[in-house]
Each structure stands twice: as C-alpha cells, then as structure tokens.
PDB file of N, CA and C in Angstrom:
ATOM      1  N   MET A   1      22.998  17.526  -3.787  1.00  0.00           N
ATOM      2  CA  MET A   1      22.082  17.390  -2.871  1.00  0.00           C
ATOM      3  C   MET A   1      21.199  18.672  -2.681  1.00  0.00           C
ATOM      4  N   LEU A   2      19.384  17.869  -2.741  1.00  0.00           N
ATOM      5  CA  LEU A   2      18.119  18.581  -2.014  1.00  0.00           C
ATOM      6  C   LEU A   2      17.575  18.503  -1.457  1.00  0.00           C
ATOM      7  N   ILE A   3      17.729  19.456  -0.500  1.00  0.00           N
ATOM      8  CA  ILE A   3      17.101  19.201   0.763  1.00  0.00           C
ATOM      9  C   ILE A   3      15.925  20.227   0.704  1.00  0.00           C
ATOM     10  N   LYS A   4      14.611  19.929   1.088  1.00  0.00           N
ATOM     11  CA  LYS A   4      13.398  21.064   1.048  1.00  0.00           C
ATOM     12  C   LYS A   4      13.138  21.090   2.714  1.00  0.00           C
ATOM     13  N   ASP A   5      12.210  22.070   3.022  1.00  0.00           N
ATOM     14  CA  ASP A   5      12.114  22.863   4.506  1.00  0.00           C
ATOM     15  C   ASP A   5      10.782  22.739   4.331  1.00  0.00           C
ATOM     16  N   LEU A   6       9.788  22.312   5.331  1.00  0.00           N
ATOM     17  CA  LEU A   6       8.441  22.187   5.495  1.00  0.00           C
ATOM     18  C   LEU A   6       8.444  23.825   5.735  1.00  0.00           C
ATOM     19  N   ASN A   7       9.134  24.392   6.113  1.00  0.00           N
ATOM     20  CA  ASN A   7       8.778  25.872   7.321  1.00  0.00           C
ATOM     21  C   ASN A   7       8.898  26.677   6.231  1.00  0.00           C
ATOM     22  N   ASN A   8       9.654  26.119   4.860  1.00  0.00           N
ATOM     23  CA  ASN A   8       9.503  27.432   4.065  1.00  0.00           C
ATOM     24  C   ASN A   8       8.506  27.266   2.794  1.00  0.00           C
ATOM     25  N   CYS A   9       7.918  25.996   2.882  1.00  0.00           N
ATOM     26  CA  CYS A   9       7.176  25.409   1.829  1.00  0.00           C
ATOM     27  C   CYS A   9       5.675  26.042   1.956  1.00  0.00           C
ATOM     28  N   LYS A  10       5.222  26.725   0.361  1.00  0.00           N
ATOM     29  CA  LYS A  10       4.170  27.217   0.204  1.00  0.00           C
ATOM     30  C   LYS A  10       2.954  26.337   0.559  1.00  0.00           C
ATOM     31  N   ASN A  11       1.674  26.648   1.408  1.00  0.00           N
ATOM     32  CA  ASN A  11       0.630  25.598   1.021  1.00  0.00           C
ATOM     33  C   ASN A  11      -0.223  26.080   0.432  1.00  0.00           C
ATOM     34  N   PHE A  12      -1.037  25.107  -0.413  1.00  0.00           N
ATOM     35  CA  PHE A  12      -2.212  25.437  -0.954  1.00  0.00           C
ATOM     36  C   PHE A  12      -3.416  24.783  -0.742  1.00  0.00           C
ATOM     37  N   LYS A  13      -4.637  24.662  -1.108  1.00  0.00           N
ATOM     38  CA  LYS A  13      -5.857  24.301  -0.696  1.00  0.00           C
ATOM     39  C   LYS A  13      -6.119  22.981  -1.948  1.00  0.00           C
ATOM     40  N   ALA A  14      -5.555  21.726  -1.815  1.00  0.00           N
ATOM     41  CA  ALA A  14      -6.261  21.142  -2.619  1.00  0.00           C
ATOM     42  C   ALA A  14      -7.593  20.413  -3.485  1.00  0.00           C
ATOM     43  N   LEU A  15      -7.545  19.837  -4.572  1.00  0.00           N
ATOM     44  CA  LEU A  15      -8.766  19.979  -5.140  1.00  0.00           C
ATOM     45  C   LEU A  15      -9.690  19.086  -3.797  1.00  0.00           C
ATOM     46  N   ASP A  16      -9.275  18.171  -2.750  1.00  0.00           N
ATOM     47  CA  ASP A  16     -10.331  17.633  -1.955  1.00  0.00           C
ATOM     48  C   ASP A  16     -10.105  18.366  -0.233  1.00  0.00           C
ATOM     49  N   GLU A  17      -9.826  19.801  -0.879  1.00  0.00           N
ATOM     50  CA  GLU A  17      -9.854  20.616   0.410  1.00  0.00           C
ATOM     51  C   GLU A  17      -8.525  20.555   1.502  1.00  0.00           C
ATOM     52  N   THR A  18      -7.871  19.710   1.304  1.00  0.00           N
ATOM     53  CA  THR A  18      -7.049  19.623   2.174  1.00  0.00           C
ATOM     54  C   THR A  18      -5.896  20.644   2.493  1.00  0.00           C
ATOM     55  N   ILE A  19      -5.428  20.932   3.003  1.00  0.00           N
ATOM     56  CA  ILE A  19      -3.950  21.816   3.165  1.00  0.00           C
ATOM     57  C   ILE A  19      -2.843  21.215   2.678  1.00  0.00           C
ATOM     58  N   ILE A  20      -2.096  21.411   1.619  1.00  0.00           N
ATOM     59  CA  ILE A  20      -1.366  20.858   0.970  1.00  0.00           C
ATOM     60  C   ILE A  20       0.479  21.395   0.777  1.00  0.00           C
ATOM     61  N   CYS A  21       1.450  20.772   1.153  1.00  0.00           N
ATOM     62  CA  CYS A  21       2.662  21.852   0.999  1.00  0.00           C
ATOM     63  C   CYS A  21       3.509  20.132   0.062  1.00  0.00           C
ATOM     64  N   GLU A  22       3.890  20.459  -1.009  1.00  0.00           N
ATOM     65  CA  GLU A  22       4.308  19.698  -1.837  1.00  0.00           C
ATOM     66  C   GLU A  22       5.972  19.637  -1.837  1.00  0.00           C
ATOM     67  N   LEU A  23       6.407  18.526  -1.198  1.00  0.00           N
ATOM     68  CA  LEU A  23       7.709  18.602  -0.718  1.00  0.00           C
ATOM     69  C   LEU A  23       8.789  17.753  -1.706  1.00  0.00           C
ATOM     70  N   LEU A  24       8.345  16.875  -2.449  1.00  0.00           N
ATOM     71  CA  LEU A  24       8.946  16.649  -3.503  1.00  0.00           C
ATOM     72  C   LEU A  24       8.279  15.930  -4.421  1.00  0.00           C
ATOM     73  N   HIS A  25       8.357  16.235  -5.819  1.00  0.00           N
ATOM     74  CA  HIS A  25       7.426  15.672  -7.214  1.00  0.00           C
ATOM     75  C   HIS A  25       9.328  15.993  -8.061  1.00  0.00           C
ATOM     76  N   PRO A  26       8.709  14.551  -8.988  1.00  0.00           N
ATOM     77  CA  PRO A  26       9.972  14.714  -9.734  1.00  0.00           C
ATOM     78  C   PRO A  26       9.968  15.565 -11.099  1.00  0.00           C
ATOM     79  N   LYS A  27       8.841  16.025 -11.236  1.00  0.00           N
ATOM     80  CA  LYS A  27       8.418  16.991 -12.367  1.00  0.00           C
ATOM     81  C   LYS A  27       8.513  18.249 -12.019  1.00  0.00           C
ATOM     82  N   ASN A  28       8.361  18.559 -11.067  1.00  0.00           N
ATOM     83  CA  ASN A  28       8.807  19.654 -10.387  1.00  0.00           C
ATOM     84  C   ASN A  28       9.821  20.646  -9.760  1.00  0.00           C
ATOM     85  N   GLU A  29      10.847  19.752  -9.516  1.00  0.00           N
ATOM     86  CA  GLU A  29      11.984  20.219  -9.146  1.00  0.00           C
ATOM     87  C   GLU A  29      12.854  20.050 -10.326  1.00  0.00           C
ATOM     88  N   VAL A  30      13.689  21.271  -9.474  1.00  0.00           N
ATOM     89  CA  VAL A  30      15.197  21.673 -10.672  1.00  0.00           C
ATOM     90  C   VAL A  30      16.173  20.622 -11.132  1.00  0.00           C
ATOM     91  N   GLU A  31      16.296  20.021  -9.894  1.00  0.00           N
ATOM     92  CA  GLU A  31      16.901  18.747  -9.973  1.00  0.00           C
ATOM     93  C   GLU A  31      16.250  17.963 -10.933  1.00  0.00           C
ATOM     94  N   ASP A  32      17.072  16.642 -11.852  1.00  0.00           N
ATOM     95  CA  ASP A  32      16.314  15.323 -12.263  1.00  0.00           C
ATOM     96  C   ASP A  32      16.458  14.378 -11.157  1.00  0.00           C
ATOM     97  N   LEU A  33      15.474  14.371 -10.553  1.00  0.00           N
ATOM     98  CA  LEU A  33      14.957  13.563  -9.415  1.00  0.00           C
ATOM     99  C   LEU A  33      14.489  11.984 -10.020  1.00  0.00           C
ATOM    100  N   LYS A  34      15.251  10.815  -9.571  1.00  0.00           N
ATOM    101  CA  LYS A  34      15.038   9.176 -10.073  1.00  0.00           C
ATOM    102  C   LYS A  34      14.126   8.847  -9.165  1.00  0.00           C
ATOM    103  N   MET A  35      12.898   8.997  -9.438  1.00  0.00           N
ATOM    104  CA  MET A  35      11.892   8.840  -8.135  1.00  0.00           C
ATOM    105  C   MET A  35      10.421   8.223  -8.719  1.00  0.00           C
ATOM    106  N   GLU A  36       9.868   7.474  -8.435  1.00  0.00           N
ATOM    107  CA  GLU A  36       8.380   7.232  -9.112  1.00  0.00           C
ATOM    108  C   GLU A  36       7.491   7.573  -7.999  1.00  0.00           C
ATOM    109  N   PHE A  37       7.548   8.896  -7.373  1.00  0.00           N
ATOM    110  CA  PHE A  37       6.726   8.616  -6.294  1.00  0.00           C
ATOM    111  C   PHE A  37       6.600  10.217  -6.221  1.00  0.00           C
ATOM    112  N   SER A  38       5.532  11.103  -5.248  1.00  0.00           N
ATOM    113  CA  SER A  38       5.320  12.562  -5.219  1.00  0.00           C
ATOM    114  C   SER A  38       5.575  12.203  -3.807  1.00  0.00           C
ATOM    115  N   LEU A  39       5.918  13.684  -2.746  1.00  0.00           N
ATOM    116  CA  LEU A  39       5.559  13.076  -1.371  1.00  0.00           C
ATOM    117  C   LEU A  39       5.025  15.023  -1.219  1.00  0.00           C
ATOM    118  N   ALA A  40       4.399  14.783  -0.121  1.00  0.00           N
ATOM    119  CA  ALA A  40       3.287  15.893   0.311  1.00  0.00           C
ATOM    120  C   ALA A  40       3.120  15.821   1.697  1.00  0.00           C
ATOM    121  N   HIS A  41       3.035  17.134   2.484  1.00  0.00           N
ATOM    122  CA  HIS A  41       2.745  17.054   3.855  1.00  0.00           C
ATOM    123  C   HIS A  41       0.953  17.538   3.419  1.00  0.00           C
ATOM    124  N   ALA A  42       0.041  16.957   4.759  1.00  0.00           N
ATOM    125  CA  ALA A  42      -1.039  17.775   4.582  1.00  0.00           C
ATOM    126  C   ALA A  42      -1.753  17.835   6.025  1.00  0.00           C
ATOM    127  N   ILE A  43      -2.545  19.369   5.873  1.00  0.00           N
ATOM    128  CA  ILE A  43      -3.186  19.174   7.511  1.00  0.00           C
ATOM    129  C   ILE A  43      -4.806  19.220   6.942  1.00  0.00           C
ATOM    130  N   LEU A  44      -5.264  19.028   8.074  1.00  0.00           N
ATOM    131  CA  LEU A  44      -6.658  18.728   8.070  1.00  0.00           C
ATOM    132  C   LEU A  44      -7.058  19.333   9.611  1.00  0.00           C
ATOM    133  N   GLU A  45      -7.745  20.663   9.895  1.00  0.00           N
ATOM    134  CA  GLU A  45      -8.287  21.380  10.755  1.00  0.00           C
ATOM    135  C   GLU A  45      -9.169  20.331  11.464  1.00  0.00           C
ATOM    136  N   PRO A  46      -9.323  20.779  12.916  1.00  0.00           N
ATOM    137  CA  PRO A  46     -10.325  20.091  13.558  1.00  0.00           C
ATOM    138  C   PRO A  46     -11.635  19.774  13.104  1.00  0.00           C
ATOM    139  N   GLY A  47     -12.111  19.368  13.182  1.00  0.00           N
ATOM    140  CA  GLY A  47     -13.846  18.681  12.535  1.00  0.00           C
ATOM    141  C   GLY A  47     -13.721  19.081  10.920  1.00  0.00           C
ATOM    142  N   LYS A  48     -13.152  19.134  10.363  1.00  0.00           N
ATOM    143  CA  LYS A  48     -13.254  18.986   8.952  1.00  0.00           C
ATOM    144  C   LYS A  48     -12.542  17.661   8.524  1.00  0.00           C
ATOM    145  N   SER A  49     -13.068  17.591   6.854  1.00  0.00           N
ATOM    146  CA  SER A  49     -12.372  16.401   6.449  1.00  0.00           C
ATOM    147  C   SER A  49     -12.182  16.604   5.004  1.00  0.00           C
ATOM    148  N   SER A  50     -11.466  16.038   4.086  1.00  0.00           N
ATOM    149  CA  SER A  50     -11.375  15.983   2.870  1.00  0.00           C
ATOM    150  C   SER A  50     -12.745  15.688   2.103  1.00  0.00           C
ATOM    151  N   LEU A  51     -12.825  16.130   0.805  1.00  0.00           N
ATOM    152  CA  LEU A  51     -13.635  15.526   0.130  1.00  0.00           C
ATOM    153  C   LEU A  51     -13.660  13.983  -0.272  1.00  0.00           C
ATOM    154  N   PRO A  52     -14.683  13.334  -0.622  1.00  0.00           N
ATOM    155  CA  PRO A  52     -14.174  12.079  -1.262  1.00  0.00           C
ATOM    156  C   PRO A  52     -13.891  12.367  -2.732  1.00  0.00           C
ATOM    157  N   HIS A  53     -12.914  11.653  -3.121  1.00  0.00           N
ATOM    158  CA  HIS A  53     -11.942  11.540  -4.290  1.00  0.00           C
ATOM    159  C   HIS A  53     -11.636  10.533  -4.823  1.00  0.00           C
ATOM    160  N   LYS A  54     -10.907  10.551  -5.892  1.00  0.00           N
ATOM    161  CA  LYS A  54     -10.303   8.685  -6.483  1.00  0.00           C
ATOM    162  C   LYS A  54      -9.325   9.828  -6.798  1.00  0.00           C
ATOM    163  N   ILE A  55      -8.083   8.733  -7.251  1.00  0.00           N
ATOM    164  CA  ILE A  55      -6.641   9.395  -8.004  1.00  0.00           C
ATOM    165  C   ILE A  55      -6.519   7.798  -8.720  1.00  0.00           C
ATOM    166  N   LYS A  56      -6.523   8.371 -10.067  1.00  0.00           N
ATOM    167  CA  LYS A  56      -6.635   7.306 -11.190  1.00  0.00           C
ATOM    168  C   LYS A  56      -5.332   6.459 -11.220  1.00  0.00           C
ATOM    169  N   ASN A  57      -5.181   5.422 -11.525  1.00  0.00           N
ATOM    170  CA  ASN A  57      -3.756   5.320 -11.691  1.00  0.00           C
ATOM    171  C   ASN A  57      -2.860   4.710 -10.587  1.00  0.00           C
ATOM    172  N   SER A  58      -3.018   5.741  -9.419  1.00  0.00           N
ATOM    173  CA  SER A  58      -2.037   5.853  -8.619  1.00  0.00           C
ATOM    174  C   SER A  58      -2.252   5.033  -7.416  1.00  0.00           C
ATOM    175  N   VAL A  59      -1.091   4.634  -6.333  1.00  0.00           N
ATOM    176  CA  VAL A  59      -1.143   4.216  -5.421  1.00  0.00           C
ATOM    177  C   VAL A  59      -0.993   5.588  -4.272  1.00  0.00           C
ATOM    178  N   GLU A  60      -1.992   5.582  -2.801  1.00  0.00           N
ATOM    179  CA  GLU A  60      -1.471   6.500  -2.197  1.00  0.00           C
ATOM    180  C   GLU A  60      -1.144   5.847  -1.009  1.00  0.00           C
ATOM    181  N   VAL A  61      -0.603   6.531   0.328  1.00  0.00           N
ATOM    182  CA  VAL A  61       0.099   5.892   1.486  1.00  0.00           C
ATOM    183  C   VAL A  61       0.096   7.354   2.174  1.00  0.00           C
ATOM    184  N   TYR A  62      -0.520   6.911   3.402  1.00  0.00           N
ATOM    185  CA  TYR A  62      -0.684   8.365   4.222  1.00  0.00           C
ATOM    186  C   TYR A  62       0.207   7.864   5.368  1.00  0.00           C
ATOM    187  N   TYR A  63       0.261   8.781   5.766  1.00  0.00           N
ATOM    188  CA  TYR A  63       1.507   8.245   7.158  1.00  0.00           C
ATOM    189  C   TYR A  63       1.065   9.488   8.010  1.00  0.00           C
ATOM    190  N   ILE A  64       0.760   9.216   9.460  1.00  0.00           N
ATOM    191  CA  ILE A  64      -0.365  10.050  10.290  1.00  0.00           C
ATOM    192  C   ILE A  64       1.083  10.545  11.101  1.00  0.00           C
ATOM    193  N   LEU A  65       1.707  11.613  11.062  1.00  0.00           N
ATOM    194  CA  LEU A  65       2.332  12.401  11.971  1.00  0.00           C
ATOM    195  C   LEU A  65       1.732  12.800  13.401  1.00  0.00           C
ATOM    196  N   GLU A  66       0.559  13.555  13.412  1.00  0.00           N
ATOM    197  CA  GLU A  66      -0.030  14.257  14.787  1.00  0.00           C
ATOM    198  C   GLU A  66      -1.497  13.985  14.461  1.00  0.00           C
ATOM    199  N   GLY A  67      -2.133  13.700  15.309  1.00  0.00           N
ATOM    200  CA  GLY A  67      -3.612  14.052  15.557  1.00  0.00           C
ATOM    201  C   GLY A  67      -4.181  12.567  15.194  1.00  0.00           C
ATOM    202  N   GLN A  68      -5.477  12.367  14.987  1.00  0.00           N
ATOM    203  CA  GLN A  68      -6.454  11.092  14.639  1.00  0.00           C
ATOM    204  C   GLN A  68      -7.578  11.474  13.517  1.00  0.00           C
ATOM    205  N   GLY A  69      -7.678  10.636  13.329  1.00  0.00           N
ATOM    206  CA  GLY A  69      -8.927  10.728  11.693  1.00  0.00           C
ATOM    207  C   GLY A  69      -9.518   9.043  11.605  1.00  0.00           C
ATOM    208  N   LEU A  70     -10.957   9.190  10.943  1.00  0.00           N
ATOM    209  CA  LEU A  70     -11.368   8.542  10.302  1.00  0.00           C
ATOM    210  C   LEU A  70     -11.288   8.454   8.962  1.00  0.00           C
ATOM    211  N   MET A  71     -10.186   7.231   8.592  1.00  0.00           N
ATOM    212  CA  MET A  71     -10.362   7.157   7.158  1.00  0.00           C
ATOM    213  C   MET A  71     -11.190   6.210   6.048  1.00  0.00           C
ATOM    214  N   HIS A  72     -11.943   6.852   5.601  1.00  0.00           N
ATOM    215  CA  HIS A  72     -12.382   5.652   4.356  1.00  0.00           C
ATOM    216  C   HIS A  72     -12.344   5.705   3.487  1.00  0.00           C
ATOM    217  N   ILE A  73     -12.175   4.443   2.697  1.00  0.00           N
ATOM    218  CA  ILE A  73     -11.717   4.021   1.785  1.00  0.00           C
ATOM    219  C   ILE A  73     -13.102   3.130   1.122  1.00  0.00           C
ATOM    220  N   ASP A  74     -13.638   3.386   0.047  1.00  0.00           N
ATOM    221  CA  ASP A  74     -14.462   2.523  -0.395  1.00  0.00           C
ATOM    222  C   ASP A  74     -15.798   2.256   0.410  1.00  0.00           C
ATOM    223  N   HIS A  75     -15.883   1.433   0.730  1.00  0.00           N
ATOM    224  CA  HIS A  75     -17.073   1.052   1.736  1.00  0.00           C
ATOM    225  C   HIS A  75     -16.401   0.641   3.123  1.00  0.00           C
ATOM    226  N   GLU A  76     -15.364   1.079   3.583  1.00  0.00           N
ATOM    227  CA  GLU A  76     -14.708   0.622   4.947  1.00  0.00           C
ATOM    228  C   GLU A  76     -14.489   2.052   5.362  1.00  0.00           C
ATOM    229  N   GLU A  77     -14.152   2.095   6.916  1.00  0.00           N
ATOM    230  CA  GLU A  77     -13.703   2.851   7.252  1.00  0.00           C
ATOM    231  C   GLU A  77     -13.043   2.707   8.774  1.00  0.00           C
ATOM    232  N   ASN A  78     -11.952   3.137   9.237  1.00  0.00           N
ATOM    233  CA  ASN A  78     -11.019   2.864  10.499  1.00  0.00           C
ATOM    234  C   ASN A  78     -10.446   3.862  11.501  1.00  0.00           C
ATOM    235  N   GLU A  79     -10.475   4.043  11.928  1.00  0.00           N
ATOM    236  CA  GLU A  79      -9.703   5.164  12.841  1.00  0.00           C
ATOM    237  C   GLU A  79      -8.043   4.745  11.938  1.00  0.00           C
ATOM    238  N   LEU A  80      -7.616   6.137  12.411  1.00  0.00           N
ATOM    239  CA  LEU A  80      -6.226   6.530  12.189  1.00  0.00           C
ATOM    240  C   LEU A  80      -5.716   7.433  13.372  1.00  0.00           C
ATOM    241  N   LYS A  81      -4.543   7.323  13.755  1.00  0.00           N
ATOM    242  CA  LYS A  81      -3.791   7.577  14.862  1.00  0.00           C
ATOM    243  C   LYS A  81      -2.486   7.913  14.814  1.00  0.00           C
ATOM    244  N   GLU A  82      -1.478   9.067  15.389  1.00  0.00           N
ATOM    245  CA  GLU A  82       0.025   9.140  14.957  1.00  0.00           C
ATOM    246  C   GLU A  82       0.386   7.894  14.978  1.00  0.00           C
ATOM    247  N   GLY A  83       1.290   7.795  13.860  1.00  0.00           N
ATOM    248  CA  GLY A  83       2.206   6.857  13.650  1.00  0.00           C
ATOM    249  C   GLY A  83       1.713   5.145  12.885  1.00  0.00           C
ATOM    250  N   GLN A  84       0.490   5.846  12.085  1.00  0.00           N
ATOM    251  CA  GLN A  84      -0.081   4.941  11.619  1.00  0.00           C
ATOM    252  C   GLN A  84       0.078   5.226  10.041  1.00  0.00           C
ATOM    253  N   THR A  85       0.156   3.959   9.618  1.00  0.00           N
ATOM    254  CA  THR A  85       0.140   3.954   8.057  1.00  0.00           C
ATOM    255  C   THR A  85      -1.159   3.545   7.216  1.00  0.00           C
ATOM    256  N   VAL A  86      -1.721   4.229   6.033  1.00  0.00           N
ATOM    257  CA  VAL A  86      -2.851   3.508   5.578  1.00  0.00           C
ATOM    258  C   VAL A  86      -2.696   3.365   4.166  1.00  0.00           C
ATOM    259  N   TYR A  87      -2.790   2.584   3.347  1.00  0.00           N
ATOM    260  CA  TYR A  87      -2.544   1.925   1.676  1.00  0.00           C
ATOM    261  C   TYR A  87      -3.855   1.975   1.298  1.00  0.00           C
ATOM    262  N   ILE A  88      -3.577   3.168   0.064  1.00  0.00           N
ATOM    263  CA  ILE A  88      -5.202   3.466  -0.298  1.00  0.00           C
ATOM    264  C   ILE A  88      -5.129   2.769  -1.918  1.00  0.00           C
ATOM    265  N   PRO A  89      -5.530   1.763  -2.273  1.00  0.00           N
ATOM    266  CA  PRO A  89      -5.251   1.264  -3.957  1.00  0.00           C
ATOM    267  C   PRO A  89      -5.871   2.574  -4.631  1.00  0.00           C
ATOM    268  N   PRO A  90      -5.250   1.921  -5.847  1.00  0.00           N
ATOM    269  CA  PRO A  90      -5.515   2.980  -7.164  1.00  0.00           C
ATOM    270  C   PRO A  90      -7.293   2.913  -7.914  1.00  0.00           C
ATOM    271  N   ASP A  91      -7.460   4.137  -8.004  1.00  0.00           N
ATOM    272  CA  ASP A  91      -9.202   4.204  -8.240  1.00  0.00           C
ATOM    273  C   ASP A  91      -9.900   4.327  -7.228  1.00  0.00           C
ATOM    274  N   SER A  92      -9.639   3.986  -5.515  1.00  0.00           N
ATOM    275  CA  SER A  92     -10.341   4.044  -4.959  1.00  0.00           C
ATOM    276  C   SER A  92     -11.060   5.042  -4.224  1.00  0.00           C
ATOM    277  N   ILE A  93     -12.366   5.288  -4.118  1.00  0.00           N
ATOM    278  CA  ILE A  93     -12.734   6.484  -3.303  1.00  0.00           C
ATOM    279  C   ILE A  93     -12.542   6.429  -1.668  1.00  0.00           C
ATOM    280  N   GLN A  94     -11.930   7.786  -1.708  1.00  0.00           N
ATOM    281  CA  GLN A  94     -11.478   8.175  -0.567  1.00  0.00           C
ATOM    282  C   GLN A  94     -11.764   9.002   0.240  1.00  0.00           C
ATOM    283  N   TYR A  95     -11.589   9.587   1.832  1.00  0.00           N
ATOM    284  CA  TYR A  95     -11.682  10.501   2.346  1.00  0.00           C
ATOM    285  C   TYR A  95     -11.092  10.504   3.684  1.00  0.00           C
ATOM    286  N   LEU A  96     -10.683  11.745   4.521  1.00  0.00           N
ATOM    287  CA  LEU A  96      -9.956  11.338   6.055  1.00  0.00           C
ATOM    288  C   LEU A  96     -10.903  12.696   6.429  1.00  0.00           C
ATOM    289  N   GLU A  97     -11.443  12.104   7.885  1.00  0.00           N
ATOM    290  CA  GLU A  97     -11.987  12.984   8.813  1.00  0.00           C
ATOM    291  C   GLU A  97     -11.150  13.303   9.642  1.00  0.00           C
ATOM    292  N   ASN A  98     -10.907  14.729  10.252  1.00  0.00           N
ATOM    293  CA  ASN A  98     -10.434  14.793  11.361  1.00  0.00           C
ATOM    294  C   ASN A  98     -10.850  14.401  12.782  1.00  0.00           C
ATOM    295  N   THR A  99     -11.174  13.748  13.584  1.00  0.00           N
ATOM    296  CA  THR A  99     -12.334  13.773  14.452  1.00  0.00           C
ATOM    297  C   THR A  99     -11.369  13.976  16.116  1.00  0.00           C
ATOM    298  N   GLY A 100     -10.338  14.799  15.765  1.00  0.00           N
ATOM    299  CA  GLY A 100      -9.579  14.760  17.118  1.00  0.00           C
ATOM    300  C   GLY A 100      -9.958  17.038  17.201  1.00  0.00           C
ATOM    301  N   ASP A 101      -9.254  16.802  18.406  1.00  0.00           N
ATOM    302  CA  ASP A 101      -9.182  18.396  19.113  1.00  0.00           C
ATOM    303  C   ASP A 101      -8.110  19.697  18.486  1.00  0.00           C
ATOM    304  N   SER A 102      -7.055  18.716  17.517  1.00  0.00           N
ATOM    305  CA  SER A 102      -5.776  19.389  17.200  1.00  0.00           C
ATOM    306  C   SER A 102      -6.125  19.435  15.607  1.00  0.00           C
ATOM    307  N   LYS A 103      -4.929  19.760  15.072  1.00  0.00           N
ATOM    308  CA  LYS A 103      -4.683  19.388  13.535  1.00  0.00           C
ATOM    309  C   LYS A 103      -4.351  18.186  13.357  1.00  0.00           C
ATOM    310  N   LEU A 104      -4.862  17.585  12.408  1.00  0.00           N
ATOM    311  CA  LEU A 104      -4.529  16.616  11.663  1.00  0.00           C
ATOM    312  C   LEU A 104      -3.312  16.337  10.559  1.00  0.00           C
ATOM    313  N   LYS A 105      -1.764  15.949  10.788  1.00  0.00           N
ATOM    314  CA  LYS A 105      -0.721  16.326   9.741  1.00  0.00           C
ATOM    315  C   LYS A 105      -0.471  15.015   9.287  1.00  0.00           C
ATOM    316  N   PHE A 106      -0.216  14.455   8.335  1.00  0.00           N
ATOM    317  CA  PHE A 106       0.424  13.465   7.541  1.00  0.00           C
ATOM    318  C   PHE A 106       1.025  13.893   6.329  1.00  0.00           C
ATOM    319  N   LEU A 107       1.880  12.871   6.201  1.00  0.00           N
ATOM    320  CA  LEU A 107       2.284  12.960   4.998  1.00  0.00           C
ATOM    321  C   LEU A 107       1.715  12.232   3.799  1.00  0.00           C
ATOM    322  N   CYS A 108       1.801  12.555   2.610  1.00  0.00           N
ATOM    323  CA  CYS A 108       0.847  11.346   1.594  1.00  0.00           C
ATOM    324  C   CYS A 108       1.839  11.691   0.352  1.00  0.00           C
ATOM    325  N   MET A 109       2.054   9.977   0.024  1.00  0.00           N
ATOM    326  CA  MET A 109       3.177   9.750  -0.805  1.00  0.00           C
ATOM    327  C   MET A 109       2.257   9.205  -2.390  1.00  0.00           C
ATOM    328  N   VAL A 110       2.053   9.488  -3.220  1.00  0.00           N
ATOM    329  CA  VAL A 110       1.519   8.837  -4.628  1.00  0.00           C
ATOM    330  C   VAL A 110       2.624   8.366  -5.666  1.00  0.00           C
ATOM    331  N   SER A 111       1.955   6.860  -5.964  1.00  0.00           N
ATOM    332  CA  SER A 111       3.251   6.555  -7.070  1.00  0.00           C
ATOM    333  C   SER A 111       2.207   5.806  -7.667  1.00  0.00           C
ATOM    334  N   PRO A 112       2.391   6.051  -9.379  1.00  0.00           N
ATOM    335  CA  PRO A 112       3.254   7.031 -10.173  1.00  0.00           C
ATOM    336  C   PRO A 112       3.073   8.470  -9.497  1.00  0.00           C
ATOM    337  N   PRO A 113       4.102   9.375  -9.573  1.00  0.00           N
ATOM    338  CA  PRO A 113       3.886  11.071  -8.768  1.00  0.00           C
ATOM    339  C   PRO A 113       2.094  11.477  -9.567  1.00  0.00           C
ATOM    340  N   TRP A 114       1.725  11.926  -8.734  1.00  0.00           N
ATOM    341  CA  TRP A 114       0.487  12.723  -8.657  1.00  0.00           C
ATOM    342  C   TRP A 114       0.340  13.693  -9.649  1.00  0.00           C
ATOM    343  N   LYS A 115      -0.722  13.445 -10.308  1.00  0.00           N
ATOM    344  CA  LYS A 115      -1.072  14.550 -11.293  1.00  0.00           C
ATOM    345  C   LYS A 115      -2.080  15.062 -10.837  1.00  0.00           C
ATOM    346  N   LEU A 116      -2.952  16.349 -11.406  1.00  0.00           N
ATOM    347  CA  LEU A 116      -4.059  17.354 -11.109  1.00  0.00           C
ATOM    348  C   LEU A 116      -5.261  16.164 -12.219  1.00  0.00           C
ATOM    349  N   GLU A 117      -5.114  15.970 -13.351  1.00  0.00           N
ATOM    350  CA  GLU A 117      -5.491  15.215 -14.345  1.00  0.00           C
ATOM    351  C   GLU A 117      -6.156  13.997 -13.556  1.00  0.00           C
ATOM    352  N   ASN A 118      -5.426  13.329 -13.136  1.00  0.00           N
ATOM    353  CA  ASN A 118      -5.628  11.690 -12.718  1.00  0.00           C
ATOM    354  C   ASN A 118      -6.591  12.227 -10.990  1.00  0.00           C
ATOM    355  N   GLU A 119      -7.065  12.915 -10.293  1.00  0.00           N
ATOM    356  CA  GLU A 119      -7.334  13.207  -9.349  1.00  0.00           C
ATOM    357  C   GLU A 119      -8.636  13.686  -9.941  1.00  0.00           C
ATOM    358  N   LYS A 120     -10.105  12.916  -9.372  1.00  0.00           N
ATOM    359  CA  LYS A 120     -11.453  13.216  -9.594  1.00  0.00           C
ATOM    360  C   LYS A 120     -12.409  13.437  -8.131  1.00  0.00           C
ATOM    361  N   LEU A 121     -12.776  14.263  -8.032  1.00  0.00           N
ATOM    362  CA  LEU A 121     -14.071  14.405  -7.052  1.00  0.00           C
ATOM    363  C   LEU A 121     -15.359  13.269  -7.008  1.00  0.00           C
ATOM    364  N   VAL A 122     -15.778  12.927  -5.995  1.00  0.00           N
ATOM    365  CA  VAL A 122     -16.480  12.047  -6.400  1.00  0.00           C
ATOM    366  C   VAL A 122     -17.949  12.134  -5.777  1.00  0.00           C
ATOM    367  N   GLY A 123     -19.218  12.122  -6.430  1.00  0.00           N
ATOM    368  CA  GLY A 123     -20.217  12.736  -6.050  1.00  0.00           C
ATOM    369  C   GLY A 123     -20.270  14.473  -5.813  1.00  0.00           C
ATOM    370  N   TYR A 124     -19.433  15.194  -6.495  1.00  0.00           N
ATOM    371  CA  TYR A 124     -19.990  16.600  -6.786  1.00  0.00           C
ATOM    372  C   TYR A 124     -20.048  16.909  -8.195  1.00  0.00           C
TER     373      TYR A 124
END
C-alpha cells in the first residue's frame, strides 16, 4: 500500500512559477504504479498567477480545493472556485490567476504523466 502525506511533501517552484508538491508520479515512485497519470498539489499566493505555458501531448485537469481564480485556456477565460474542475486540452496555452485574498490550492492531474520536456513557457 502506498500512502503519501501532503504534510511531508517537499514543495518546489514549477516552470510556470506555481508552488508544486508531487503526490504521485509513476516514474518517481519506488513501487511500480500502474497508472497513466501524475498527480500534484499546487498553490498560488494571492495576487499571483502561473506563467502562460502549454503541455505537449498531455491532458491536464485542475480541481480547486480552496480559493478562487481566473483560468485562461487559449482565448477563453473563466472564473474558478472551490469544488470546481477544469479540463485543459493538450497543447493549449494556459495559466491561472489567483483573484482572491487567500491561497489558491488545487490538484493537478496530467495524463499521460507530466514530463519536464513536454512543458513549455509561452511568450518568454
């Protein structure tokens, strides 16, 4: 049985400037995980936004745990709040703004699993 604890997870700043804690990734675990996605916990501080980026060949799904924000996908934008999920198609230009007064916390699921070489900043 594999159990991960968010309280013991090491945060790092992702390429898009989001604070990330990798919860599950089939390539980074000791156990052989039979899963076709990776899962991370992400945080954006109030007034911050992720940098515009795209993930080649991978679908991404965000589930908002706490806070609110403005999601940008290609030429669309929409408000997101706690309890909502957004689907991000492969190769879409995307970024998320924290529009609230508290931390924006969300889960990120990427399928196939996230790879650094597939993520690219746009406009930088």
